Amino acid sequence: MTVQSNGHLSPLPLDDDLRSLEPRDRVRPGDGSGAQVLGAWGGPVGRHAAVGRQRFWTPLRVIMVFTVLFLALGFLSKASCLETTSPTDGSEPGLNWTGQQYFKACYADPLPLYSAEGLASGALPYKYRWVTDDGVVRYMEYPVVSGMFQYVTAQSAQAWHAVAPGGPIEVVKYFLLGAVLLAMAWMVAVWATYKSAGRRPWDTLLMAASPLVVFQAFTNYDLLAVALASVALLLWARRMPVWAGVALGVGVAAKLYPLFLFGALLVVAIRRRRFADLARAAAAAAAAWLVVNLPIMLPFPEGWKEFFRLNSDRPANPESIYAVVQTLTGWGGFDVGRAAGEAPSTLNAVSLVLFALGCAAVLAIGLTAPRTPRLAQLAFLVVAVFLLTNKVWSPQYSLWLVPLAVLAVPRARLLVPWMAFDALLWVAHMLYFHGVANKGIGPEVFHPLVLVRDLMVLAICVVVIVEIYRPHLDRVRMTHQGGPEGPDPLAGVLADPDEPMVEPPVGAGGDHDDEVRRTPTAVGATA
């Protein structure tokens, strides 16, 4: 729906003040590290340009176009694994997986899990169980929201196949339906991040066009948790802490990591000495988590506990820092001689202690900073610490960091190299699983690449910490300070609009990328 006023056309009601921003105050594609690219396509926006009065291509619509394009690339990256066999012996066709899932880097968890976890037979997750070759009883390994998402998608695919048995085989229909729903979840996440970016909407383009989406969007089901966490941050920013807690509670029922956002909220609450709204959000999260989990927890306790059992019993995965250290040093690792099926107790304890120490470090940074750090900065640090210290860093986990990084440190020259390298690490991961005997790569090649990725994430953490202690370098803070909500667009009920403004040091220089700009209170017409 569009609104026409005084000859101007806009998808939303126009602001009362129709003045355009001055050139130095305009937020547009090409601000910051994109300035050189913009210059190659005709230079910056002119002095008399009307910014914020687009007839159709509003920033959100442009960003959503890029979101859809990169999701389409993500689907195409998995398309090779949807090829099916054409048996001549009368047997049913199946997936033609003869190694191309690795050398074509198209592997996706939903495809093998469809039959492995009983979804193909219509079995209810957490009730259905199977026994592995080594005698271990297994159940659905995902939290309830992710597990029931798979079940509902499988039931829908089977209904589709019953009505229209022609065309793709059943497992491919299952993947197609799941991909559509996961794509919608990512679009919700991009929309929520856009709305959370305040006066810097174009920063969200770094998320919409993230190379990580190409390889990881449909590898697993993490986009559900990313969407719920992003919506929770938006609800908190809109001063709805109870609903933010509900979104976080449901998010934790999809993946564990949204729980860590409470750590960032706690640091800000301690700085502000405001705990009531945080307590309400935590209570709402606990209630929402229980509402989702109890229908499975009570009738199928063993199946419900499988997620926690598996995470306790599994060893360090190839993308963890522990596996990297083992390869690079020749060290045998923790829990040497552990029996099959026995939990790696020492590794679990070390991982937990390191994560706790990292959280304590984030708390110390938050309490000793000259200004209250922004919520996105703290959230990024907490989640990054978890990934760096955890014994499992599945490739798709990197998607957790993308919206937080965009809100915390929107610097293209910092984030794009990390996201591109992390995305291409998927190809190395697949070649590693393919094996040296099949012309893949060994750990002596793969693990140094993992270490480079870890160091790149650590470098982003360092930049975030530097901007926390030198707030005049924080672009988001400098753009928002002086506004009615204070310098943090995500702070919500913890905002302090009276916080003293940050002044850059006398004589501070820098290129256009580090330019400190003030945004006037009246920002003109916005779409």
Protein backbone atom coordinates (compact mmCIF):
# COMPACT_ATOMS: atom_id res chain seq x y z
CA MET A 1 0.00 0.00 0.00
CA THR A 2 1.34 3.45 -0.93
CA VAL A 3 0.54 6.90 0.37
CA GLN A 4 0.58 10.04 -1.79
CA SER A 5 1.11 13.41 -0.14
CA ASN A 6 2.11 16.73 -1.65
CA GLY A 7 3.16 15.05 -4.88
CA HIS A 8 5.36 12.47 -3.11
CA LEU A 9 4.73 8.74 -3.29
CA SER A 10 5.84 6.49 -0.45
CA PRO A 11 5.02 2.97 0.82
CA LEU A 12 4.65 4.45 4.31
CA PRO A 13 3.22 7.75 5.61
CA LEU A 14 5.66 10.58 5.02
CA ASP A 15 7.32 12.39 7.86
CA ASP A 16 5.95 15.82 8.75
CA ASP A 17 9.37 17.27 7.93
CA LEU A 18 9.97 16.79 4.19
CA ARG A 19 13.42 18.36 4.14
CA SER A 20 16.24 16.27 2.71
CA LEU A 21 19.30 15.43 4.74
CA GLU A 22 22.54 17.21 4.10
CA PRO A 23 25.01 15.14 2.05
CA ARG A 24 27.22 14.46 5.08
CA ASP A 25 24.23 13.11 7.04
CA ARG A 26 22.79 10.78 4.45
CA VAL A 27 22.81 7.06 5.09
CA ARG A 28 23.03 5.35 1.72
CA PRO A 29 24.68 2.45 -0.09
CA GLY A 30 28.34 3.30 -0.37
CA ASP A 31 28.79 4.89 3.04
CA GLY A 32 31.93 3.67 4.65
CA SER A 33 33.88 0.93 2.91
CA GLY A 34 31.52 0.95 -0.10
CA ALA A 35 32.50 4.49 -1.11
CA GLN A 36 35.06 3.32 -3.70
CA VAL A 37 32.55 0.93 -5.28
CA LEU A 38 29.97 3.71 -5.42
CA GLY A 39 32.52 5.99 -7.04
CA ALA A 40 33.08 3.47 -9.81
CA TRP A 41 29.37 3.60 -10.64
CA GLY A 42 29.02 7.34 -10.90
CA GLY A 43 30.07 8.84 -7.58
CA PRO A 44 28.26 9.65 -4.35
CA VAL A 45 24.71 10.92 -4.01
CA GLY A 46 24.50 14.52 -5.18
CA ARG A 47 23.79 17.58 -3.07
CA HIS A 48 20.23 17.97 -4.36
CA ALA A 49 19.24 14.30 -4.28
CA ALA A 50 16.08 13.44 -2.34
CA VAL A 51 17.00 10.63 0.03
CA GLY A 52 14.24 8.61 1.71
CA ARG A 53 11.49 9.33 -0.85
CA GLN A 54 11.97 6.37 -3.20
CA ARG A 55 8.88 5.56 -5.18
CA PHE A 56 9.40 1.80 -5.10
CA TRP A 57 12.98 0.70 -4.41
CA THR A 58 13.08 1.44 -0.72
CA PRO A 59 16.14 0.18 1.19
CA LEU A 60 14.17 -2.75 2.61
CA ARG A 61 12.99 -3.87 -0.81
CA VAL A 62 16.49 -3.67 -2.26
CA ILE A 63 17.85 -5.67 0.66
CA MET A 64 15.11 -8.26 0.30
CA VAL A 65 15.94 -8.68 -3.40
CA PHE A 66 19.52 -9.50 -2.44
CA THR A 67 18.22 -11.84 0.26
CA VAL A 68 16.17 -13.81 -2.27
CA LEU A 69 19.01 -13.88 -4.80
CA PHE A 70 21.48 -15.31 -2.29
CA LEU A 71 18.92 -17.81 -1.02
CA ALA A 72 18.45 -18.93 -4.62
CA LEU A 73 22.21 -19.41 -4.91
CA GLY A 74 22.04 -21.38 -1.67
CA PHE A 75 19.44 -23.69 -3.15
CA LEU A 76 21.42 -24.12 -6.37
CA SER A 77 24.48 -25.13 -4.32
CA LYS A 78 22.46 -28.12 -3.03
CA ALA A 79 20.78 -28.99 -6.33
CA SER A 80 23.38 -31.57 -7.35
CA CYS A 81 22.45 -33.69 -4.34
CA LEU A 82 18.81 -33.85 -5.48
CA GLU A 83 19.67 -36.01 -8.51
CA THR A 84 17.95 -39.40 -8.37
CA THR A 85 18.70 -42.82 -9.77
CA SER A 86 16.75 -44.49 -12.59
CA PRO A 87 16.76 -48.18 -11.67
CA THR A 88 15.86 -50.74 -14.32
CA ASP A 89 15.26 -53.63 -11.93
CA GLY A 90 11.88 -52.39 -10.76
CA SER A 91 13.15 -50.91 -7.49
CA GLU A 92 12.18 -47.44 -6.35
CA PRO A 93 14.41 -44.53 -7.43
CA GLY A 94 16.52 -42.92 -4.74
CA LEU A 95 19.12 -40.22 -4.27
CA ASN A 96 22.13 -40.71 -6.51
CA TRP A 97 24.74 -40.25 -3.78
CA THR A 98 27.92 -41.88 -5.01
CA GLY A 99 30.31 -39.33 -3.61
CA GLN A 100 29.10 -36.15 -5.35
CA GLN A 101 27.65 -34.94 -2.06
CA TYR A 102 31.28 -34.30 -1.14
CA PHE A 103 33.17 -33.45 -4.32
CA LYS A 104 30.29 -31.21 -5.46
CA ALA A 105 29.97 -29.77 -1.92
CA CYS A 106 26.18 -30.16 -2.02
CA TYR A 107 25.70 -32.18 1.16
CA ALA A 108 22.66 -31.24 3.28
CA ASP A 109 21.65 -32.93 6.55
CA PRO A 110 17.88 -33.07 5.80
CA LEU A 111 18.37 -35.54 2.95
CA PRO A 112 20.00 -38.46 4.83
CA LEU A 113 18.11 -37.71 8.06
CA TYR A 114 14.76 -38.17 6.32
CA SER A 115 15.14 -41.94 6.43
CA ALA A 116 17.69 -42.26 9.24
CA GLU A 117 15.43 -40.69 11.88
CA GLY A 118 12.20 -42.39 10.88
CA LEU A 119 10.63 -39.40 9.16
CA ALA A 120 10.13 -41.34 5.93
CA SER A 121 8.02 -43.92 7.75
CA GLY A 122 5.82 -41.24 9.30
CA ALA A 123 7.14 -42.00 12.81
CA LEU A 124 6.74 -39.38 15.50
CA PRO A 125 10.11 -37.91 16.52
CA TYR A 126 11.24 -38.63 20.08
CA LYS A 127 9.02 -41.72 20.12
CA TYR A 128 10.74 -43.47 17.22
CA ARG A 129 14.06 -45.09 18.08
CA TRP A 130 16.65 -47.19 16.30
CA VAL A 131 19.77 -49.12 17.29
CA THR A 132 23.14 -48.34 15.73
CA ASP A 133 25.66 -50.96 14.66
CA ASP A 134 27.51 -50.60 17.97
CA GLY A 135 24.33 -51.22 19.97
CA VAL A 136 23.50 -47.63 20.97
CA VAL A 137 19.79 -46.73 21.12
CA ARG A 138 19.19 -43.49 19.24
CA TYR A 139 16.34 -40.98 19.00
CA MET A 140 15.74 -37.68 17.22
CA GLU A 141 18.83 -35.63 18.05
CA TYR A 142 17.39 -32.11 17.67
CA PRO A 143 15.63 -29.83 20.16
CA VAL A 144 11.85 -29.90 20.02
CA VAL A 145 11.18 -26.99 17.65
CA SER A 146 13.72 -28.22 15.11
CA GLY A 147 12.57 -31.83 15.48
CA MET A 148 8.88 -31.06 15.08
CA PHE A 149 9.68 -28.77 12.16
CA GLN A 150 11.17 -31.81 10.43
CA TYR A 151 8.15 -33.92 11.32
CA VAL A 152 5.59 -31.43 10.02
CA THR A 153 7.61 -30.91 6.84
CA ALA A 154 7.86 -34.68 6.34
CA GLN A 155 4.11 -35.13 6.81
CA SER A 156 3.47 -32.34 4.30
CA ALA A 157 5.86 -33.91 1.79
CA GLN A 158 4.15 -37.28 2.15
CA ALA A 159 0.73 -35.69 1.62
CA TRP A 160 2.08 -33.93 -1.46
CA HIS A 161 3.50 -37.20 -2.77
CA ALA A 162 0.21 -39.02 -2.14
CA VAL A 163 -1.74 -36.41 -4.09
CA ALA A 164 0.86 -35.99 -6.86
CA PRO A 165 3.09 -39.09 -6.97
CA GLY A 166 4.75 -37.94 -10.15
CA GLY A 167 7.69 -35.59 -10.30
CA PRO A 168 10.41 -35.56 -7.64
CA ILE A 169 10.73 -38.48 -5.26
CA GLU A 170 9.40 -38.07 -1.73
CA VAL A 171 12.68 -37.12 -0.04
CA VAL A 172 13.30 -34.40 -2.63
CA LYS A 173 9.83 -33.00 -2.01
CA TYR A 174 10.66 -33.02 1.69
CA PHE A 175 13.82 -31.03 1.04
CA LEU A 176 12.02 -28.57 -1.25
CA LEU A 177 9.34 -27.81 1.33
CA GLY A 178 11.92 -27.43 4.06
CA ALA A 179 14.03 -25.12 1.89
CA VAL A 180 11.05 -22.84 1.25
CA LEU A 181 10.23 -22.61 4.96
CA LEU A 182 13.87 -22.07 5.94
CA ALA A 183 14.19 -19.37 3.27
CA MET A 184 11.20 -17.61 4.79
CA ALA A 185 12.85 -17.85 8.23
CA TRP A 186 16.00 -16.19 6.88
CA MET A 187 13.92 -13.45 5.27
CA VAL A 188 12.29 -12.82 8.66
CA ALA A 189 15.75 -12.66 10.22
CA VAL A 190 16.92 -10.13 7.61
CA TRP A 191 13.76 -8.05 8.08
CA ALA A 192 14.15 -8.04 11.87
CA THR A 193 17.82 -7.09 11.59
CA TYR A 194 16.94 -4.30 9.17
CA LYS A 195 14.39 -2.95 11.63
CA SER A 196 16.95 -3.25 14.44
CA ALA A 197 19.64 -1.31 12.56
CA GLY A 198 18.07 2.07 13.34
CA ARG A 199 19.56 4.87 11.29
CA ARG A 200 21.91 2.51 9.43
CA PRO A 201 19.52 0.36 7.36
CA TRP A 202 22.02 -0.36 4.60
CA ASP A 203 24.25 -2.25 7.02
CA THR A 204 21.79 -5.13 6.66
CA LEU A 205 22.96 -5.60 3.08
CA LEU A 206 26.01 -7.35 4.55
CA MET A 207 23.64 -9.96 5.97
CA ALA A 208 21.38 -10.26 2.94
CA ALA A 209 24.33 -10.81 0.60
CA SER A 210 26.43 -12.91 2.98
CA PRO A 211 28.44 -15.62 1.17
CA LEU A 212 27.67 -17.93 4.10
CA VAL A 213 24.07 -18.13 2.89
CA VAL A 214 25.20 -19.74 -0.36
CA PHE A 215 26.56 -22.86 1.33
CA GLN A 216 24.94 -22.98 4.75
CA ALA A 217 21.34 -21.74 4.44
CA PHE A 218 19.96 -25.25 3.76
CA THR A 219 22.67 -27.42 5.30
CA ASN A 220 20.70 -27.82 8.51
CA TYR A 221 17.86 -26.13 10.41
CA ASP A 222 19.74 -23.28 12.12
CA LEU A 223 17.84 -20.56 10.27
CA LEU A 224 14.87 -21.21 12.56
CA ALA A 225 16.88 -20.22 15.63
CA VAL A 226 18.52 -17.29 13.81
CA ALA A 227 15.09 -15.92 12.88
CA LEU A 228 13.76 -16.26 16.43
CA ALA A 229 16.86 -14.65 17.94
CA SER A 230 16.70 -11.76 15.45
CA VAL A 231 13.01 -11.19 16.18
CA ALA A 232 13.75 -11.30 19.91
CA LEU A 233 16.34 -8.53 19.54
CA LEU A 234 13.86 -6.44 17.57
CA LEU A 235 11.15 -6.95 20.21
CA TRP A 236 13.59 -5.92 22.92
CA ALA A 237 14.52 -2.82 20.91
CA ARG A 238 10.81 -2.00 20.60
CA ARG A 239 10.47 -2.12 24.42
CA MET A 240 8.57 -5.41 24.55
CA PRO A 241 10.77 -7.44 26.92
CA VAL A 242 8.16 -10.09 27.70
CA TRP A 243 7.57 -10.90 24.05
CA ALA A 244 11.32 -10.80 23.47
CA GLY A 245 11.62 -13.40 26.20
CA VAL A 246 8.98 -15.55 24.53
CA ALA A 247 10.87 -15.42 21.23
CA LEU A 248 14.12 -16.31 22.98
CA GLY A 249 12.45 -19.20 24.82
CA VAL A 250 11.12 -20.66 21.58
CA GLY A 251 14.51 -20.00 19.97
CA VAL A 252 16.27 -22.01 22.67
CA ALA A 253 13.84 -24.84 21.90
CA ALA A 254 15.22 -24.75 18.33
CA LYS A 255 18.94 -24.32 19.11
CA LEU A 256 20.77 -23.50 22.32
CA TYR A 257 22.55 -20.34 21.23
CA PRO A 258 19.69 -17.77 21.68
CA LEU A 259 20.12 -18.42 25.42
CA PHE A 260 23.47 -16.63 25.27
CA LEU A 261 21.79 -13.34 24.36
CA PHE A 262 20.66 -13.14 27.98
CA GLY A 263 24.33 -12.79 28.90
CA ALA A 264 24.57 -9.60 26.85
CA LEU A 265 21.33 -8.28 28.36
CA LEU A 266 22.64 -9.02 31.84
CA VAL A 267 25.79 -6.95 31.31
CA VAL A 268 23.78 -3.94 30.16
CA ALA A 269 21.30 -4.41 33.02
CA ILE A 270 24.15 -4.38 35.53
CA ARG A 271 25.53 -1.18 34.03
CA ARG A 272 22.09 0.45 34.12
CA ARG A 273 21.10 -1.16 37.46
CA ARG A 274 17.77 -2.16 35.95
CA PHE A 275 16.79 -5.79 36.42
CA ALA A 276 13.00 -5.89 36.50
CA ASP A 277 12.45 -6.08 32.74
CA LEU A 278 15.26 -8.58 32.32
CA ALA A 279 13.69 -10.78 34.99
CA ARG A 280 10.32 -10.60 33.22
CA ALA A 281 11.95 -11.53 29.93
CA ALA A 282 13.74 -14.47 31.55
CA ALA A 283 10.51 -15.69 33.15
CA ALA A 284 8.69 -15.41 29.82
CA ALA A 285 11.51 -17.32 28.09
CA ALA A 286 11.38 -20.11 30.66
CA ALA A 287 7.59 -20.33 30.36
CA ALA A 288 7.70 -20.41 26.54
CA TRP A 289 10.43 -23.04 26.58
CA LEU A 290 8.39 -25.22 28.93
CA VAL A 291 5.20 -24.83 26.90
CA VAL A 292 7.05 -26.04 23.82
CA ASN A 293 8.98 -28.85 25.51
CA LEU A 294 6.51 -30.36 27.98
CA PRO A 295 4.32 -32.09 25.33
CA ILE A 296 7.41 -34.07 24.30
CA MET A 297 9.29 -34.16 27.61
CA LEU A 298 6.50 -35.87 29.57
CA PRO A 299 5.41 -38.71 27.25
CA PHE A 300 8.83 -39.35 25.65
CA PRO A 301 11.51 -38.46 28.24
CA GLU A 302 14.22 -40.66 26.72
CA GLY A 303 13.72 -39.25 23.25
CA TRP A 304 13.58 -35.72 24.60
CA LYS A 305 16.91 -36.16 26.41
CA GLU A 306 18.67 -37.37 23.27
CA PHE A 307 19.79 -33.86 22.32
CA PHE A 308 21.51 -33.39 25.66
CA ARG A 309 22.94 -36.93 25.72
CA LEU A 310 24.40 -36.58 22.24
CA ASN A 311 26.00 -33.24 23.02
CA SER A 312 27.57 -34.74 26.12
CA ASP A 313 28.82 -37.93 24.46
CA ARG A 314 30.07 -36.66 21.12
CA PRO A 315 33.82 -35.98 20.70
CA ALA A 316 35.40 -32.82 19.31
CA ASN A 317 34.33 -32.31 15.71
CA PRO A 318 36.85 -31.52 12.92
CA GLU A 319 36.09 -27.77 12.97
CA SER A 320 36.72 -27.31 16.69
CA ILE A 321 39.89 -25.73 18.02
CA TYR A 322 40.66 -28.95 19.89
CA ALA A 323 40.87 -30.99 16.68
CA VAL A 324 43.03 -28.26 15.13
CA VAL A 325 45.48 -28.34 18.05
CA GLN A 326 45.67 -32.13 17.86
CA THR A 327 46.62 -32.06 14.18
CA LEU A 328 49.08 -29.17 14.38
CA THR A 329 50.90 -30.38 17.50
CA GLY A 330 50.52 -34.16 17.35
CA TRP A 331 48.86 -34.11 20.75
CA GLY A 332 46.59 -37.06 21.47
CA GLY A 333 43.79 -34.94 22.89
CA PHE A 334 41.74 -35.23 26.05
CA ASP A 335 40.17 -38.50 27.21
CA VAL A 336 42.70 -40.73 25.45
CA GLY A 337 41.56 -44.34 25.70
CA ARG A 338 37.91 -43.41 26.11
CA ALA A 339 35.64 -46.37 25.48
CA ALA A 340 33.14 -46.23 22.62
CA GLY A 341 29.96 -44.48 23.72
CA GLU A 342 31.62 -42.99 26.79
CA ALA A 343 31.31 -39.23 27.27
CA PRO A 344 34.57 -37.26 26.91
CA SER A 345 34.35 -35.93 30.45
CA THR A 346 37.66 -34.03 30.45
CA LEU A 347 36.95 -32.36 27.11
CA ASN A 348 33.46 -31.42 28.29
CA ALA A 349 34.86 -29.87 31.47
CA VAL A 350 37.62 -27.96 29.66
CA SER A 351 35.18 -26.62 27.07
CA LEU A 352 32.76 -25.50 29.79
CA VAL A 353 35.49 -23.83 31.86
CA LEU A 354 36.90 -21.99 28.84
CA PHE A 355 33.44 -20.75 27.89
CA ALA A 356 32.81 -19.59 31.46
CA LEU A 357 36.14 -17.74 31.48
CA GLY A 358 35.25 -16.12 28.16
CA CYS A 359 31.88 -14.99 29.52
CA ALA A 360 33.63 -13.58 32.59
CA ALA A 361 35.97 -11.66 30.28
CA VAL A 362 32.99 -10.22 28.37
CA LEU A 363 31.42 -9.21 31.69
CA ALA A 364 34.66 -7.50 32.76
CA ILE A 365 34.86 -5.66 29.44
CA GLY A 366 31.26 -4.57 29.74
CA LEU A 367 31.70 -3.24 33.27
CA THR A 368 35.03 -1.48 32.73
CA ALA A 369 34.21 0.21 29.40
CA PRO A 370 34.01 4.03 29.51
CA ARG A 371 30.47 3.87 28.07
CA THR A 372 27.89 1.12 28.29
CA PRO A 373 28.64 -1.22 25.36
CA ARG A 374 25.91 -1.74 22.84
CA LEU A 375 23.85 -4.90 23.16
CA ALA A 376 24.90 -6.21 19.74
CA GLN A 377 28.58 -5.86 20.63
CA LEU A 378 28.19 -7.92 23.79
CA ALA A 379 25.96 -10.52 22.10
CA PHE A 380 28.48 -11.02 19.30
CA LEU A 381 31.31 -11.49 21.79
CA VAL A 382 29.39 -14.05 23.87
CA VAL A 383 28.33 -16.15 20.87
CA ALA A 384 31.82 -15.95 19.33
CA VAL A 385 33.38 -17.09 22.61
CA PHE A 386 31.02 -20.06 22.68
CA LEU A 387 31.91 -21.12 19.14
CA LEU A 388 35.64 -20.68 19.70
CA THR A 389 35.67 -22.71 22.91
CA ASN A 390 33.00 -25.31 22.16
CA LYS A 391 33.96 -28.84 21.13
CA VAL A 392 31.58 -28.64 18.16
CA TRP A 393 31.52 -25.94 15.49
CA SER A 394 29.33 -27.35 12.77
CA PRO A 395 29.74 -25.34 9.53
CA GLN A 396 26.23 -23.84 9.67
CA TYR A 397 26.85 -22.46 13.18
CA SER A 398 28.66 -19.53 11.55
CA LEU A 399 25.24 -18.23 10.49
CA TRP A 400 24.58 -17.45 14.16
CA LEU A 401 27.20 -14.71 14.03
CA VAL A 402 26.05 -12.98 10.84
CA PRO A 403 23.18 -10.77 12.13
CA LEU A 404 25.06 -10.04 15.36
CA ALA A 405 28.19 -9.04 13.45
CA VAL A 406 26.22 -6.76 11.14
CA LEU A 407 24.68 -4.97 14.13
CA ALA A 408 27.87 -4.96 16.21
CA VAL A 409 30.59 -3.92 13.77
CA PRO A 410 29.18 -3.07 10.30
CA ARG A 411 32.52 -2.80 8.50
CA ALA A 412 32.49 -4.45 5.09
CA ARG A 413 36.26 -4.72 4.84
CA LEU A 414 36.24 -6.65 8.10
CA LEU A 415 33.15 -8.84 7.72
CA VAL A 416 33.15 -9.73 4.03
CA PRO A 417 36.60 -11.43 4.04
CA TRP A 418 35.60 -13.52 7.07
CA MET A 419 32.23 -14.52 5.62
CA ALA A 420 33.74 -15.35 2.22
CA PHE A 421 36.53 -17.45 3.74
CA ASP A 422 34.17 -19.19 6.14
CA ALA A 423 31.81 -19.96 3.25
CA LEU A 424 34.59 -21.47 1.14
CA LEU A 425 35.75 -23.47 4.14
CA TRP A 426 32.66 -25.60 3.44
CA VAL A 427 34.29 -26.83 0.23
CA ALA A 428 37.40 -27.82 2.19
CA HIS A 429 35.17 -29.50 4.76
CA MET A 430 33.52 -31.62 2.09
CA LEU A 431 36.88 -32.56 0.54
CA TYR A 432 38.10 -33.54 4.00
CA PHE A 433 35.16 -35.90 4.44
CA HIS A 434 35.65 -37.23 0.91
CA GLY A 435 39.06 -38.46 2.01
CA VAL A 436 42.56 -38.42 0.60
CA ALA A 437 41.97 -41.76 -1.11
CA ASN A 438 39.22 -40.12 -3.18
CA LYS A 439 41.38 -37.10 -4.09
CA GLY A 440 40.14 -35.12 -1.10
CA ILE A 441 42.32 -33.45 1.53
CA GLY A 442 43.71 -34.62 4.84
CA PRO A 443 43.69 -32.99 8.28
CA GLU A 444 47.13 -31.45 7.71
CA VAL A 445 45.51 -29.25 5.02
CA PHE A 446 42.04 -28.83 6.45
CA HIS A 447 42.86 -27.88 10.04
CA PRO A 448 45.18 -24.93 9.20
CA LEU A 449 42.27 -23.52 7.19
CA VAL A 450 40.00 -23.90 10.22
CA LEU A 451 42.60 -22.07 12.30
CA VAL A 452 42.60 -19.18 9.81
CA ARG A 453 38.81 -18.94 10.14
CA ASP A 454 39.08 -18.91 13.94
CA LEU A 455 41.71 -16.18 13.81
CA MET A 456 39.48 -14.08 11.54
CA VAL A 457 36.59 -14.37 14.00
CA LEU A 458 38.99 -13.52 16.82
CA ALA A 459 40.14 -10.44 14.88
CA ILE A 460 36.52 -9.26 14.63
CA CYS A 461 36.21 -9.73 18.39
CA VAL A 462 39.32 -7.58 18.87
CA VAL A 463 37.84 -4.81 16.73
CA VAL A 464 34.59 -4.96 18.72
CA ILE A 465 36.54 -4.70 22.00
CA VAL A 466 38.59 -1.77 20.67
CA GLU A 467 35.39 0.06 19.70
CA ILE A 468 33.92 -0.66 23.14
CA TYR A 469 36.89 1.01 24.83
CA ARG A 470 37.22 3.73 22.17
CA PRO A 471 33.56 4.52 21.52
CA HIS A 472 34.33 7.36 19.13
CA LEU A 473 35.36 4.65 16.61
CA ASP A 474 31.97 2.91 16.91
CA ARG A 475 30.03 3.95 13.83
CA VAL A 476 26.67 2.79 15.12
CA ARG A 477 27.09 4.67 18.40
CA MET A 478 28.21 7.87 16.70
CA THR A 479 25.30 7.69 14.26
CA HIS A 480 22.66 7.22 16.98
CA GLN A 481 23.92 9.25 19.91
CA GLY A 482 21.91 12.35 20.65
CA GLY A 483 18.70 10.66 19.50
CA PRO A 484 15.68 10.00 21.71
CA GLU A 485 16.67 6.32 22.24
CA GLY A 486 20.31 6.95 23.05
CA PRO A 487 23.36 5.56 21.24
CA ASP A 488 22.20 1.92 21.13
CA PRO A 489 19.25 1.18 18.81
CA LEU A 490 18.80 -2.24 20.48
CA ALA A 491 18.83 -1.11 24.12
CA GLY A 492 15.04 -0.86 24.41
CA VAL A 493 13.95 -0.60 28.05
CA LEU A 494 17.62 -0.42 29.06
CA ALA A 495 18.26 2.67 26.94
CA ASP A 496 19.72 5.80 28.50
CA PRO A 497 19.13 8.79 26.20
CA ASP A 498 20.84 11.05 28.75
CA GLU A 499 24.15 9.22 28.49
CA PRO A 500 26.92 11.76 27.76
CA MET A 501 27.75 12.04 24.10
CA VAL A 502 31.07 10.73 22.86
CA GLU A 503 33.38 13.34 21.38
CA PRO A 504 36.18 12.24 19.05
CA PRO A 505 39.68 13.15 20.22
CA VAL A 506 40.94 16.53 19.10
CA GLY A 507 42.70 16.16 15.78
CA ALA A 508 41.31 12.70 15.10
CA GLY A 509 41.65 11.99 11.41
CA GLY A 510 41.04 9.04 9.17
CA ASP A 511 39.67 8.33 5.76
CA HIS A 512 36.03 8.41 4.76
CA ASP A 513 35.62 4.93 6.21
CA ASP A 514 36.30 6.24 9.72
CA GLU A 515 34.52 9.56 9.36
CA VAL A 516 32.49 10.52 12.41
CA ARG A 517 29.14 11.95 11.44
CA ARG A 518 26.34 13.37 13.50
CA THR A 519 22.75 12.65 12.54
CA PRO A 520 20.39 15.56 13.22
CA THR A 521 17.30 15.06 15.32
CA ALA A 522 15.03 15.84 12.36
CA VAL A 523 16.00 13.29 9.76
CA GLY A 524 13.48 14.28 7.15
CA ALA A 525 11.11 12.10 5.21
CA THR A 526 11.74 8.40 5.58
CA ALA A 527 10.26 5.42 3.84
